[in-house]
All heavy atoms as atom14 arrays in JSON, in Angstrom:
{
  "sequence": "RMGKSRVIAETGAGQHGVATATAAARLGLECEIYMGTDDIARQKLNVF",
  "atom14_mask": [
    [1, 1, 1, 1, 1, 1, 1, 1, 1, 1, 1, 0, 0, 0],
    [1, 1, 1, 1, 1, 1, 1, 1, 0, 0, 0, 0, 0, 0],
    [1, 1, 1, 1, 0, 0, 0, 0, 0, 0, 0, 0, 0, 0],
    [1, 1, 1, 1, 1, 1, 1, 1, 1, 0, 0, 0, 0, 0],
    [1, 1, 1, 1, 1, 1, 0, 0, 0, 0, 0, 0, 0, 0],
    [1, 1, 1, 1, 1, 1, 1, 1, 1, 1, 1, 0, 0, 0],
    [1, 1, 1, 1, 1, 1, 1, 0, 0, 0, 0, 0, 0, 0],
    [1, 1, 1, 1, 1, 1, 1, 1, 0, 0, 0, 0, 0, 0],
    [1, 1, 1, 1, 1, 0, 0, 0, 0, 0, 0, 0, 0, 0],
    [1, 1, 1, 1, 1, 1, 1, 1, 1, 0, 0, 0, 0, 0],
    [1, 1, 1, 1, 1, 1, 1, 0, 0, 0, 0, 0, 0, 0],
    [1, 1, 1, 1, 0, 0, 0, 0, 0, 0, 0, 0, 0, 0],
    [1, 1, 1, 1, 1, 0, 0, 0, 0, 0, 0, 0, 0, 0],
    [1, 1, 1, 1, 0, 0, 0, 0, 0, 0, 0, 0, 0, 0],
    [1, 1, 1, 1, 1, 1, 1, 1, 1, 0, 0, 0, 0, 0],
    [1, 1, 1, 1, 1, 1, 1, 1, 1, 1, 0, 0, 0, 0],
    [1, 1, 1, 1, 0, 0, 0, 0, 0, 0, 0, 0, 0, 0],
    [1, 1, 1, 1, 1, 1, 1, 0, 0, 0, 0, 0, 0, 0],
    [1, 1, 1, 1, 1, 0, 0, 0, 0, 0, 0, 0, 0, 0],
    [1, 1, 1, 1, 1, 1, 1, 0, 0, 0, 0, 0, 0, 0],
    [1, 1, 1, 1, 1, 0, 0, 0, 0, 0, 0, 0, 0, 0],
    [1, 1, 1, 1, 1, 1, 1, 0, 0, 0, 0, 0, 0, 0],
    [1, 1, 1, 1, 1, 0, 0, 0, 0, 0, 0, 0, 0, 0],
    [1, 1, 1, 1, 1, 0, 0, 0, 0, 0, 0, 0, 0, 0],
    [1, 1, 1, 1, 1, 0, 0, 0, 0, 0, 0, 0, 0, 0],
    [1, 1, 1, 1, 1, 1, 1, 1, 1, 1, 1, 0, 0, 0],
    [1, 1, 1, 1, 1, 1, 1, 1, 0, 0, 0, 0, 0, 0],
    [1, 1, 1, 1, 0, 0, 0, 0, 0, 0, 0, 0, 0, 0],
    [1, 1, 1, 1, 1, 1, 1, 1, 0, 0, 0, 0, 0, 0],
    [1, 1, 1, 1, 1, 1, 1, 1, 1, 0, 0, 0, 0, 0],
    [1, 1, 1, 1, 1, 1, 0, 0, 0, 0, 0, 0, 0, 0],
    [1, 1, 1, 1, 1, 1, 1, 1, 1, 0, 0, 0, 0, 0],
    [1, 1, 1, 1, 1, 1, 1, 1, 0, 0, 0, 0, 0, 0],
    [1, 1, 1, 1, 1, 1, 1, 1, 1, 1, 1, 1, 0, 0],
    [1, 1, 1, 1, 1, 1, 1, 1, 0, 0, 0, 0, 0, 0],
    [1, 1, 1, 1, 0, 0, 0, 0, 0, 0, 0, 0, 0, 0],
    [1, 1, 1, 1, 1, 1, 1, 0, 0, 0, 0, 0, 0, 0],
    [1, 1, 1, 1, 1, 1, 1, 1, 0, 0, 0, 0, 0, 0],
    [1, 1, 1, 1, 1, 1, 1, 1, 0, 0, 0, 0, 0, 0],
    [1, 1, 1, 1, 1, 1, 1, 1, 0, 0, 0, 0, 0, 0],
    [1, 1, 1, 1, 1, 0, 0, 0, 0, 0, 0, 0, 0, 0],
    [1, 1, 1, 1, 1, 1, 1, 1, 1, 1, 1, 0, 0, 0],
    [1, 1, 1, 1, 1, 1, 1, 1, 1, 0, 0, 0, 0, 0],
    [1, 1, 1, 1, 1, 1, 1, 1, 1, 0, 0, 0, 0, 0],
    [1, 1, 1, 1, 1, 1, 1, 1, 0, 0, 0, 0, 0, 0],
    [1, 1, 1, 1, 1, 1, 1, 1, 0, 0, 0, 0, 0, 0],
    [1, 1, 1, 1, 1, 1, 1, 0, 0, 0, 0, 0, 0, 0],
    [1, 1, 1, 1, 1, 1, 1, 1, 1, 1, 1, 0, 0, 0]
  ],
  "atom14_positions": [
    [[-5.08, 135.2, -22.41], [-5.85, 133.83, -22.54], [-6.55, 133.55, -21.16], [-7.52, 132.96, -21.14], [-4.78, 132.74, -22.91], [-5.44, 131.37, -22.98], [-4.23, 130.41, -23.26], [-4.68, 128.99, -23.24], [-4.91, 128.19, -24.38], [-4.73, 128.68, -25.51], [-5.36, 126.98, -24.19], [0.0, 0.0, 0.0], [0.0, 0.0, 0.0], [0.0, 0.0, 0.0]],
    [[-5.84, 133.95, -20.04], [-6.42, 133.71, -18.7], [-7.53, 134.7, -18.32], [-8.12, 134.63, -17.4], [-5.38, 133.67, -17.69], [-4.33, 132.58, -17.87], [-2.91, 132.76, -16.73], [-3.73, 132.46, -15.11], [0.0, 0.0, 0.0], [0.0, 0.0, 0.0], [0.0, 0.0, 0.0], [0.0, 0.0, 0.0], [0.0, 0.0, 0.0], [0.0, 0.0, 0.0]],
    [[-7.76, 135.7, -19.19], [-8.74, 136.74, -18.95], [-8.24, 137.85, -17.98], [-9.17, 138.56, -17.35], [0.0, 0.0, 0.0], [0.0, 0.0, 0.0], [0.0, 0.0, 0.0], [0.0, 0.0, 0.0], [0.0, 0.0, 0.0], [0.0, 0.0, 0.0], [0.0, 0.0, 0.0], [0.0, 0.0, 0.0], [0.0, 0.0, 0.0], [0.0, 0.0, 0.0]],
    [[-6.97, 137.99, -17.75], [-6.42, 139.02, -16.9], [-6.41, 140.39, -17.67], [-6.07, 140.4, -18.83], [-5.03, 138.68, -16.42], [-4.89, 137.29, -15.8], [-5.66, 137.21, -14.48], [-5.49, 135.82, -13.79], [-6.19, 135.72, -12.56], [0.0, 0.0, 0.0], [0.0, 0.0, 0.0], [0.0, 0.0, 0.0], [0.0, 0.0, 0.0], [0.0, 0.0, 0.0]],
    [[-6.64, 141.52, -16.94], [-6.7, 142.78, -17.51], [-5.4, 143.62, -17.23], [-5.25, 144.64, -17.75], [-7.91, 143.56, -17.18], [-7.95, 143.72, -15.73], [0.0, 0.0, 0.0], [0.0, 0.0, 0.0], [0.0, 0.0, 0.0], [0.0, 0.0, 0.0], [0.0, 0.0, 0.0], [0.0, 0.0, 0.0], [0.0, 0.0, 0.0], [0.0, 0.0, 0.0]],
    [[-4.6, 143.18, -16.25], [-3.49, 143.9, -15.76], [-2.33, 143.0, -15.56], [-2.48, 141.87, -15.13], [-3.87, 144.56, -14.3], [-2.85, 145.35, -13.68], [-3.42, 145.94, -12.37], [-2.38, 146.66, -11.68], [-1.81, 146.11, -10.55], [-2.07, 144.97, -10.08], [-0.84, 146.82, -9.84], [0.0, 0.0, 0.0], [0.0, 0.0, 0.0], [0.0, 0.0, 0.0]],
    [[-1.13, 143.49, -15.88], [0.08, 142.82, -15.66], [1.05, 143.68, -14.8], [1.03, 144.8, -14.87], [0.78, 142.33, -17.0], [-0.02, 141.24, -17.61], [1.15, 143.48, -17.76], [0.0, 0.0, 0.0], [0.0, 0.0, 0.0], [0.0, 0.0, 0.0], [0.0, 0.0, 0.0], [0.0, 0.0, 0.0], [0.0, 0.0, 0.0], [0.0, 0.0, 0.0]],
    [[1.8, 142.96, -13.93], [2.8, 143.61, -13.14], [4.08, 142.96, -13.38], [4.2, 141.8, -13.8], [2.42, 143.7, -11.63], [2.32, 142.28, -11.13], [1.29, 144.48, -11.44], [2.15, 142.2, -9.65], [0.0, 0.0, 0.0], [0.0, 0.0, 0.0], [0.0, 0.0, 0.0], [0.0, 0.0, 0.0], [0.0, 0.0, 0.0], [0.0, 0.0, 0.0]],
    [[5.25, 143.64, -13.08], [6.5, 142.96, -13.24], [7.59, 143.6, -12.35], [7.36, 144.84, -11.9], [7.04, 143.06, -14.68], [0.0, 0.0, 0.0], [0.0, 0.0, 0.0], [0.0, 0.0, 0.0], [0.0, 0.0, 0.0], [0.0, 0.0, 0.0], [0.0, 0.0, 0.0], [0.0, 0.0, 0.0], [0.0, 0.0, 0.0], [0.0, 0.0, 0.0]],
    [[8.63, 143.02, -12.06], [9.78, 143.55, -11.44], [10.85, 143.82, -12.5], [10.84, 143.21, -13.6], [10.34, 142.63, -10.42], [11.4, 141.56, -10.95], [10.78, 140.57, -11.82], [9.53, 140.3, -11.84], [11.56, 140.0, -12.73], [0.0, 0.0, 0.0], [0.0, 0.0, 0.0], [0.0, 0.0, 0.0], [0.0, 0.0, 0.0], [0.0, 0.0, 0.0]],
    [[11.8, 144.73, -12.25], [12.9, 144.97, -13.19], [14.16, 145.4, -12.5], [14.0, 146.04, -11.39], [12.5, 145.86, -14.29], [13.36, 145.73, -15.42], [12.41, 147.34, -13.85], [0.0, 0.0, 0.0], [0.0, 0.0, 0.0], [0.0, 0.0, 0.0], [0.0, 0.0, 0.0], [0.0, 0.0, 0.0], [0.0, 0.0, 0.0], [0.0, 0.0, 0.0]],
    [[15.34, 145.03, -12.89], [16.6, 145.47, -12.34], [17.27, 146.42, -13.29], [17.3, 147.54, -13.12], [0.0, 0.0, 0.0], [0.0, 0.0, 0.0], [0.0, 0.0, 0.0], [0.0, 0.0, 0.0], [0.0, 0.0, 0.0], [0.0, 0.0, 0.0], [0.0, 0.0, 0.0], [0.0, 0.0, 0.0], [0.0, 0.0, 0.0], [0.0, 0.0, 0.0]],
    [[17.81, 145.85, -14.45], [18.41, 146.72, -15.42], [17.34, 147.56, -16.26], [17.68, 148.34, -17.0], [19.25, 145.82, -16.33], [0.0, 0.0, 0.0], [0.0, 0.0, 0.0], [0.0, 0.0, 0.0], [0.0, 0.0, 0.0], [0.0, 0.0, 0.0], [0.0, 0.0, 0.0], [0.0, 0.0, 0.0], [0.0, 0.0, 0.0], [0.0, 0.0, 0.0]],
    [[16.13, 147.09, -16.08], [15.0, 147.84, -16.85], [14.62, 147.16, -18.08], [13.6, 147.44, -18.62], [0.0, 0.0, 0.0], [0.0, 0.0, 0.0], [0.0, 0.0, 0.0], [0.0, 0.0, 0.0], [0.0, 0.0, 0.0], [0.0, 0.0, 0.0], [0.0, 0.0, 0.0], [0.0, 0.0, 0.0], [0.0, 0.0, 0.0], [0.0, 0.0, 0.0]],
    [[15.42, 146.16, -18.58], [15.08, 145.51, -19.84], [13.78, 144.67, -19.73], [12.92, 144.59, -20.64], [16.18, 144.63, -20.38], [17.39, 145.39, -20.87], [16.94, 146.31, -22.08], [17.13, 147.55, -22.04], [16.51, 145.79, -23.12], [0.0, 0.0, 0.0], [0.0, 0.0, 0.0], [0.0, 0.0, 0.0], [0.0, 0.0, 0.0], [0.0, 0.0, 0.0]],
    [[13.64, 143.91, -18.58], [12.33, 143.27, -18.44], [11.16, 144.13, -18.28], [10.12, 143.9, -18.78], [12.42, 142.26, -17.3], [11.2, 141.54, -17.03], [10.62, 140.54, -17.94], [10.39, 141.42, -15.92], [9.55, 140.12, -17.46], [9.32, 140.59, -16.21], [0.0, 0.0, 0.0], [0.0, 0.0, 0.0], [0.0, 0.0, 0.0], [0.0, 0.0, 0.0]],
    [[11.42, 145.22, -17.57], [10.3, 146.26, -17.45], [9.88, 146.83, -18.8], [8.73, 146.94, -19.15], [0.0, 0.0, 0.0], [0.0, 0.0, 0.0], [0.0, 0.0, 0.0], [0.0, 0.0, 0.0], [0.0, 0.0, 0.0], [0.0, 0.0, 0.0], [0.0, 0.0, 0.0], [0.0, 0.0, 0.0], [0.0, 0.0, 0.0], [0.0, 0.0, 0.0]],
    [[10.89, 147.12, -19.55], [10.61, 147.66, -20.92], [9.9, 146.67, -21.78], [8.89, 146.92, -22.49], [11.92, 148.14, -21.67], [11.63, 148.43, -23.09], [12.41, 149.39, -21.0], [0.0, 0.0, 0.0], [0.0, 0.0, 0.0], [0.0, 0.0, 0.0], [0.0, 0.0, 0.0], [0.0, 0.0, 0.0], [0.0, 0.0, 0.0], [0.0, 0.0, 0.0]],
    [[10.34, 145.38, -21.72], [9.74, 144.32, -22.51], [8.33, 144.07, -22.07], [7.43, 143.94, -22.96], [10.58, 143.05, -22.39], [0.0, 0.0, 0.0], [0.0, 0.0, 0.0], [0.0, 0.0, 0.0], [0.0, 0.0, 0.0], [0.0, 0.0, 0.0], [0.0, 0.0, 0.0], [0.0, 0.0, 0.0], [0.0, 0.0, 0.0], [0.0, 0.0, 0.0]],
    [[8.0, 144.07, -20.78], [6.7, 143.83, -20.33], [5.8, 145.02, -20.68], [4.59, 144.78, -21.15], [6.66, 143.65, -18.79], [7.54, 142.55, -18.47], [5.23, 143.35, -18.17], [0.0, 0.0, 0.0], [0.0, 0.0, 0.0], [0.0, 0.0, 0.0], [0.0, 0.0, 0.0], [0.0, 0.0, 0.0], [0.0, 0.0, 0.0], [0.0, 0.0, 0.0]],
    [[6.29, 146.22, -20.49], [5.5, 147.42, -20.88], [5.28, 147.45, -22.38], [4.09, 147.84, -22.85], [6.3, 148.75, -20.55], [0.0, 0.0, 0.0], [0.0, 0.0, 0.0], [0.0, 0.0, 0.0], [0.0, 0.0, 0.0], [0.0, 0.0, 0.0], [0.0, 0.0, 0.0], [0.0, 0.0, 0.0], [0.0, 0.0, 0.0], [0.0, 0.0, 0.0]],
    [[6.18, 146.92, -23.17], [6.0, 146.89, -24.65], [4.84, 145.88, -25.01], [3.96, 146.13, -25.83], [7.26, 146.46, -25.34], [8.34, 147.45, -25.07], [7.09, 146.25, -26.8], [0.0, 0.0, 0.0], [0.0, 0.0, 0.0], [0.0, 0.0, 0.0], [0.0, 0.0, 0.0], [0.0, 0.0, 0.0], [0.0, 0.0, 0.0], [0.0, 0.0, 0.0]],
    [[4.9, 144.76, -24.47], [3.99, 143.69, -24.7], [2.56, 144.06, -24.2], [1.61, 143.86, -24.93], [4.35, 142.38, -24.1], [0.0, 0.0, 0.0], [0.0, 0.0, 0.0], [0.0, 0.0, 0.0], [0.0, 0.0, 0.0], [0.0, 0.0, 0.0], [0.0, 0.0, 0.0], [0.0, 0.0, 0.0], [0.0, 0.0, 0.0], [0.0, 0.0, 0.0]],
    [[2.59, 144.74, -23.03], [1.35, 145.22, -22.46], [0.7, 146.28, -23.36], [-0.54, 146.29, -23.57], [1.48, 145.66, -20.99], [0.0, 0.0, 0.0], [0.0, 0.0, 0.0], [0.0, 0.0, 0.0], [0.0, 0.0, 0.0], [0.0, 0.0, 0.0], [0.0, 0.0, 0.0], [0.0, 0.0, 0.0], [0.0, 0.0, 0.0], [0.0, 0.0, 0.0]],
    [[1.46, 147.17, -23.94], [0.94, 148.3, -24.7], [0.29, 147.68, -25.94], [-0.81, 148.11, -26.35], [2.1, 149.14, -25.07], [0.0, 0.0, 0.0], [0.0, 0.0, 0.0], [0.0, 0.0, 0.0], [0.0, 0.0, 0.0], [0.0, 0.0, 0.0], [0.0, 0.0, 0.0], [0.0, 0.0, 0.0], [0.0, 0.0, 0.0], [0.0, 0.0, 0.0]],
    [[0.98, 146.72, -26.57], [0.49, 146.13, -27.89], [-0.81, 145.32, -27.6], [-1.68, 145.25, -28.44], [1.62, 145.22, -28.51], [1.16, 144.56, -29.81], [0.79, 145.66, -30.86], [0.32, 144.9, -32.08], [-0.95, 144.5, -32.26], [-1.9, 144.7, -31.29], [-1.29, 143.88, -33.39], [0.0, 0.0, 0.0], [0.0, 0.0, 0.0], [0.0, 0.0, 0.0]],
    [[-0.77, 144.58, -26.44], [-2.04, 143.81, -26.15], [-3.11, 144.48, -25.38], [-4.09, 143.78, -25.0], [-1.54, 142.56, -25.51], [-0.6, 141.61, -26.19], [0.06, 140.47, -25.32], [-1.32, 140.98, -27.41], [0.0, 0.0, 0.0], [0.0, 0.0, 0.0], [0.0, 0.0, 0.0], [0.0, 0.0, 0.0], [0.0, 0.0, 0.0], [0.0, 0.0, 0.0]],
    [[-2.89, 145.73, -25.0], [-3.99, 146.48, -24.4], [-4.14, 146.09, -22.96], [-5.29, 146.14, -22.39], [0.0, 0.0, 0.0], [0.0, 0.0, 0.0], [0.0, 0.0, 0.0], [0.0, 0.0, 0.0], [0.0, 0.0, 0.0], [0.0, 0.0, 0.0], [0.0, 0.0, 0.0], [0.0, 0.0, 0.0], [0.0, 0.0, 0.0], [0.0, 0.0, 0.0]],
    [[-3.14, 145.84, -22.27], [-3.1, 145.47, -20.76], [-2.59, 146.63, -19.91], [-1.65, 147.26, -20.25], [-2.24, 144.24, -20.62], [-2.71, 142.91, -21.25], [-1.64, 141.93, -21.17], [-3.89, 142.4, -20.6], [0.0, 0.0, 0.0], [0.0, 0.0, 0.0], [0.0, 0.0, 0.0], [0.0, 0.0, 0.0], [0.0, 0.0, 0.0], [0.0, 0.0, 0.0]],
    [[-3.22, 146.78, -18.84], [-2.72, 147.69, -17.85], [-1.47, 147.18, -17.36], [-1.29, 146.0, -17.06], [-3.74, 147.99, -16.71], [-3.29, 148.99, -15.63], [-4.31, 149.02, -14.51], [-5.42, 148.45, -14.52], [-3.85, 149.62, -13.39], [0.0, 0.0, 0.0], [0.0, 0.0, 0.0], [0.0, 0.0, 0.0], [0.0, 0.0, 0.0], [0.0, 0.0, 0.0]],
    [[-0.39, 148.2, -17.03], [0.9, 147.62, -16.67], [1.54, 148.46, -15.68], [1.49, 149.75, -15.61], [1.81, 147.61, -17.9], [3.44, 147.02, -17.63], [0.0, 0.0, 0.0], [0.0, 0.0, 0.0], [0.0, 0.0, 0.0], [0.0, 0.0, 0.0], [0.0, 0.0, 0.0], [0.0, 0.0, 0.0], [0.0, 0.0, 0.0], [0.0, 0.0, 0.0]],
    [[2.14, 147.78, -14.56], [2.85, 148.45, -13.47], [4.06, 147.73, -13.32], [4.16, 146.5, -13.12], [1.89, 148.43, -12.3], [2.29, 149.46, -11.23], [0.98, 149.75, -10.34], [-0.15, 149.68, -10.76], [1.32, 150.01, -9.1], [0.0, 0.0, 0.0], [0.0, 0.0, 0.0], [0.0, 0.0, 0.0], [0.0, 0.0, 0.0], [0.0, 0.0, 0.0]],
    [[5.2, 148.47, -13.1], [6.54, 147.92, -13.02], [7.18, 148.45, -11.72], [7.11, 149.57, -11.46], [7.44, 148.35, -14.25], [6.82, 148.12, -15.48], [8.86, 147.72, -14.09], [6.66, 146.64, -15.88], [0.0, 0.0, 0.0], [0.0, 0.0, 0.0], [0.0, 0.0, 0.0], [0.0, 0.0, 0.0], [0.0, 0.0, 0.0], [0.0, 0.0, 0.0]],
    [[7.69, 147.45, -10.93], [8.44, 147.78, -9.72], [9.9, 147.7, -9.92], [10.44, 146.71, -10.44], [8.02, 146.7, -8.59], [6.58, 146.74, -8.17], [5.51, 146.15, -8.79], [6.26, 147.67, -7.07], [4.16, 146.3, -8.45], [4.96, 147.81, -6.6], [3.97, 147.11, -7.31], [2.61, 147.34, -6.86], [0.0, 0.0, 0.0], [0.0, 0.0, 0.0]],
    [[10.59, 148.71, -9.41], [11.99, 148.85, -9.71], [12.65, 149.59, -8.48], [12.15, 150.54, -7.96], [12.15, 149.77, -10.98], [13.58, 149.84, -11.48], [13.71, 150.57, -13.1], [15.4, 150.25, -13.62], [0.0, 0.0, 0.0], [0.0, 0.0, 0.0], [0.0, 0.0, 0.0], [0.0, 0.0, 0.0], [0.0, 0.0, 0.0], [0.0, 0.0, 0.0]],
    [[13.77, 149.08, -8.07], [14.52, 149.58, -6.88], [15.05, 151.01, -7.27], [15.44, 151.21, -8.4], [0.0, 0.0, 0.0], [0.0, 0.0, 0.0], [0.0, 0.0, 0.0], [0.0, 0.0, 0.0], [0.0, 0.0, 0.0], [0.0, 0.0, 0.0], [0.0, 0.0, 0.0], [0.0, 0.0, 0.0], [0.0, 0.0, 0.0], [0.0, 0.0, 0.0]],
    [[15.08, 151.92, -6.18], [15.5, 153.18, -6.5], [17.02, 153.32, -6.92], [17.46, 154.17, -7.7], [15.26, 154.1, -5.27], [15.94, 153.54, -4.06], [13.85, 154.35, -4.97], [0.0, 0.0, 0.0], [0.0, 0.0, 0.0], [0.0, 0.0, 0.0], [0.0, 0.0, 0.0], [0.0, 0.0, 0.0], [0.0, 0.0, 0.0], [0.0, 0.0, 0.0]],
    [[17.79, 152.38, -6.49], [19.26, 152.37, -6.84], [19.32, 151.99, -8.41], [20.13, 152.61, -9.09], [20.03, 151.38, -6.16], [20.5, 151.95, -4.78], [20.13, 152.93, -4.39], [21.18, 151.15, -4.06], [0.0, 0.0, 0.0], [0.0, 0.0, 0.0], [0.0, 0.0, 0.0], [0.0, 0.0, 0.0], [0.0, 0.0, 0.0], [0.0, 0.0, 0.0]],
    [[18.61, 151.12, -8.77], [18.51, 150.76, -10.28], [17.78, 151.81, -11.1], [18.29, 152.17, -12.19], [17.67, 149.42, -10.39], [18.36, 148.25, -9.86], [19.65, 148.28, -9.66], [17.67, 147.23, -9.51], [0.0, 0.0, 0.0], [0.0, 0.0, 0.0], [0.0, 0.0, 0.0], [0.0, 0.0, 0.0], [0.0, 0.0, 0.0], [0.0, 0.0, 0.0]],
    [[16.85, 152.52, -10.52], [16.32, 153.63, -11.24], [17.36, 154.68, -11.52], [17.42, 155.32, -12.67], [15.05, 154.24, -10.54], [13.87, 153.32, -10.54], [14.72, 155.63, -10.96], [12.75, 153.84, -9.66], [0.0, 0.0, 0.0], [0.0, 0.0, 0.0], [0.0, 0.0, 0.0], [0.0, 0.0, 0.0], [0.0, 0.0, 0.0], [0.0, 0.0, 0.0]],
    [[18.27, 154.99, -10.51], [19.26, 155.89, -10.68], [20.24, 155.62, -11.77], [20.75, 156.57, -12.42], [19.97, 156.14, -9.38], [0.0, 0.0, 0.0], [0.0, 0.0, 0.0], [0.0, 0.0, 0.0], [0.0, 0.0, 0.0], [0.0, 0.0, 0.0], [0.0, 0.0, 0.0], [0.0, 0.0, 0.0], [0.0, 0.0, 0.0], [0.0, 0.0, 0.0]],
    [[20.51, 154.35, -12.03], [21.54, 153.97, -12.99], [20.91, 153.44, -14.37], [21.63, 153.1, -15.35], [22.45, 152.86, -12.52], [21.85, 151.59, -11.94], [22.96, 150.83, -11.32], [22.33, 149.63, -10.64], [23.09, 148.67, -10.07], [24.39, 148.71, -10.14], [22.53, 147.7, -9.41], [0.0, 0.0, 0.0], [0.0, 0.0, 0.0], [0.0, 0.0, 0.0]],
    [[19.59, 153.51, -14.44], [18.96, 153.05, -15.67], [17.86, 154.04, -16.04], [16.61, 153.67, -16.35], [18.34, 151.63, -15.4], [19.41, 150.6, -15.27], [20.32, 150.39, -16.51], [19.94, 150.75, -17.56], [21.4, 149.74, -16.23], [0.0, 0.0, 0.0], [0.0, 0.0, 0.0], [0.0, 0.0, 0.0], [0.0, 0.0, 0.0], [0.0, 0.0, 0.0]],
    [[18.09, 155.3, -16.08], [17.09, 156.34, -16.24], [16.52, 156.26, -17.67], [15.33, 156.54, -17.85], [17.72, 157.62, -16.13], [18.12, 158.09, -14.66], [18.69, 159.42, -14.46], [19.07, 159.67, -12.99], [19.65, 160.93, -12.75], [0.0, 0.0, 0.0], [0.0, 0.0, 0.0], [0.0, 0.0, 0.0], [0.0, 0.0, 0.0], [0.0, 0.0, 0.0]],
    [[17.29, 155.89, -18.64], [16.79, 155.69, -20.01], [15.59, 154.74, -20.04], [14.61, 154.94, -20.59], [17.84, 155.38, -21.03], [17.43, 155.01, -22.35], [16.73, 156.21, -23.07], [18.64, 154.52, -23.24], [0.0, 0.0, 0.0], [0.0, 0.0, 0.0], [0.0, 0.0, 0.0], [0.0, 0.0, 0.0], [0.0, 0.0, 0.0], [0.0, 0.0, 0.0]],
    [[15.84, 153.52, -19.45], [14.8, 152.5, -19.46], [13.62, 152.81, -18.59], [12.45, 152.55, -18.91], [15.3, 151.17, -18.97], [16.0, 150.4, -20.06], [15.81, 150.62, -21.26], [16.78, 149.46, -19.67], [0.0, 0.0, 0.0], [0.0, 0.0, 0.0], [0.0, 0.0, 0.0], [0.0, 0.0, 0.0], [0.0, 0.0, 0.0], [0.0, 0.0, 0.0]],
    [[13.83, 153.76, -17.55], [12.6, 154.19, -16.81], [11.77, 155.11, -17.76], [10.52, 154.94, -17.75], [13.08, 155.04, -15.54], [11.96, 155.7, -14.87], [13.78, 154.14, -14.59], [0.0, 0.0, 0.0], [0.0, 0.0, 0.0], [0.0, 0.0, 0.0], [0.0, 0.0, 0.0], [0.0, 0.0, 0.0], [0.0, 0.0, 0.0], [0.0, 0.0, 0.0]],
    [[12.37, 155.91, -18.51], [11.68, 156.77, -19.46], [10.89, 155.94, -20.46], [9.79, 156.23, -20.81], [12.55, 157.88, -20.09], [11.88, 158.62, -21.2], [10.89, 159.52, -20.87], [12.14, 158.35, -22.53], [10.27, 160.24, -21.82], [11.53, 159.03, -23.58], [10.51, 160.04, -23.17], [0.0, 0.0, 0.0], [0.0, 0.0, 0.0], [0.0, 0.0, 0.0]]
  ]
}
């Protein structure tokens, strides 16, 4: 609605990252997710 073409998000457990990536995919928005390396190690499924 605001005319933005790109969304970014942070994620810890990965669920917010997955949710944002899901919504962005459906709405045609470029998407980038920031995630700590410790969290990446324990949430590999959500990273994929």
